Amino acid sequence: MKVAIIGPGAAQHAGEYYDKSWQIWGLNSVHIRGRGVSPRWSKMFNLHRLAHLERDCPQYVDWDVTFSRRNPKVPIYVVDSWKGALKNQVLFPRADMGYMPRTDYHASSFDWMVAYAIHLKAKMISIHGARFAIDSPREEPISAQACLEYWCGYAEGKGIKLMTHADCEMFLQFHLVKSNTVYGYDDVRMVEDRTR
């Protein structure tokens, strides 16, 4: 089994996996963000408590419920019951993955999904849209990137081929710069990108 994990803002890449040997996994309502894209979704994930989604981003609930109705054969993995709103909900099997090292070291949906792909004995994992760096416009814990990189390293250590793409900010060195510049007066870039 090969797994393509498609994150928010990267839905256009889901169409790259036409080979039926790939499972295409989406997360966090990526299906709504890729308007005009009709990928062959295998699984969808929203790994946040329903109460937290209803409080912080209720549009995700609406989008996933709509997706569920339109795609009843695509399982949507959740961490707690959506009270019948999703006809195709599957509770994420966290307990089944308890044998893994650092089983509770998770800081984003991406790393949970990589761990799940490992659990399912994937032979290859391809990741699109994982952007956790300081200069990225995502609201994730500071440790999200390091955690995902840990699980990717664990996958590679298990012999799983791992691919990340240009729309991922992973396996890069980020460092701080100390200077005597004056805020508001000097031309200071908050992030200096030297990867180009």
Foldseek 3Di string as FASTA:
>chain_A
DEEEEEEAPRLVCLVVPPDPVYAYEYEQLSVVRPPPRDHDHQEYEYEDDPVCCVVPPVVSVVSVLVVQVVCVNHEYEYCDDPPPSRNRYDHLPLVLLVVDPPSVPAWDVLLVVLSVCVVVVHQEYEYAQAEDDPPDPDPTDNCHQVSSVVSVVVCVVVNRHYHYDPNHDHPDDDDDDDDPDDPPPDDDDPDDDPPD
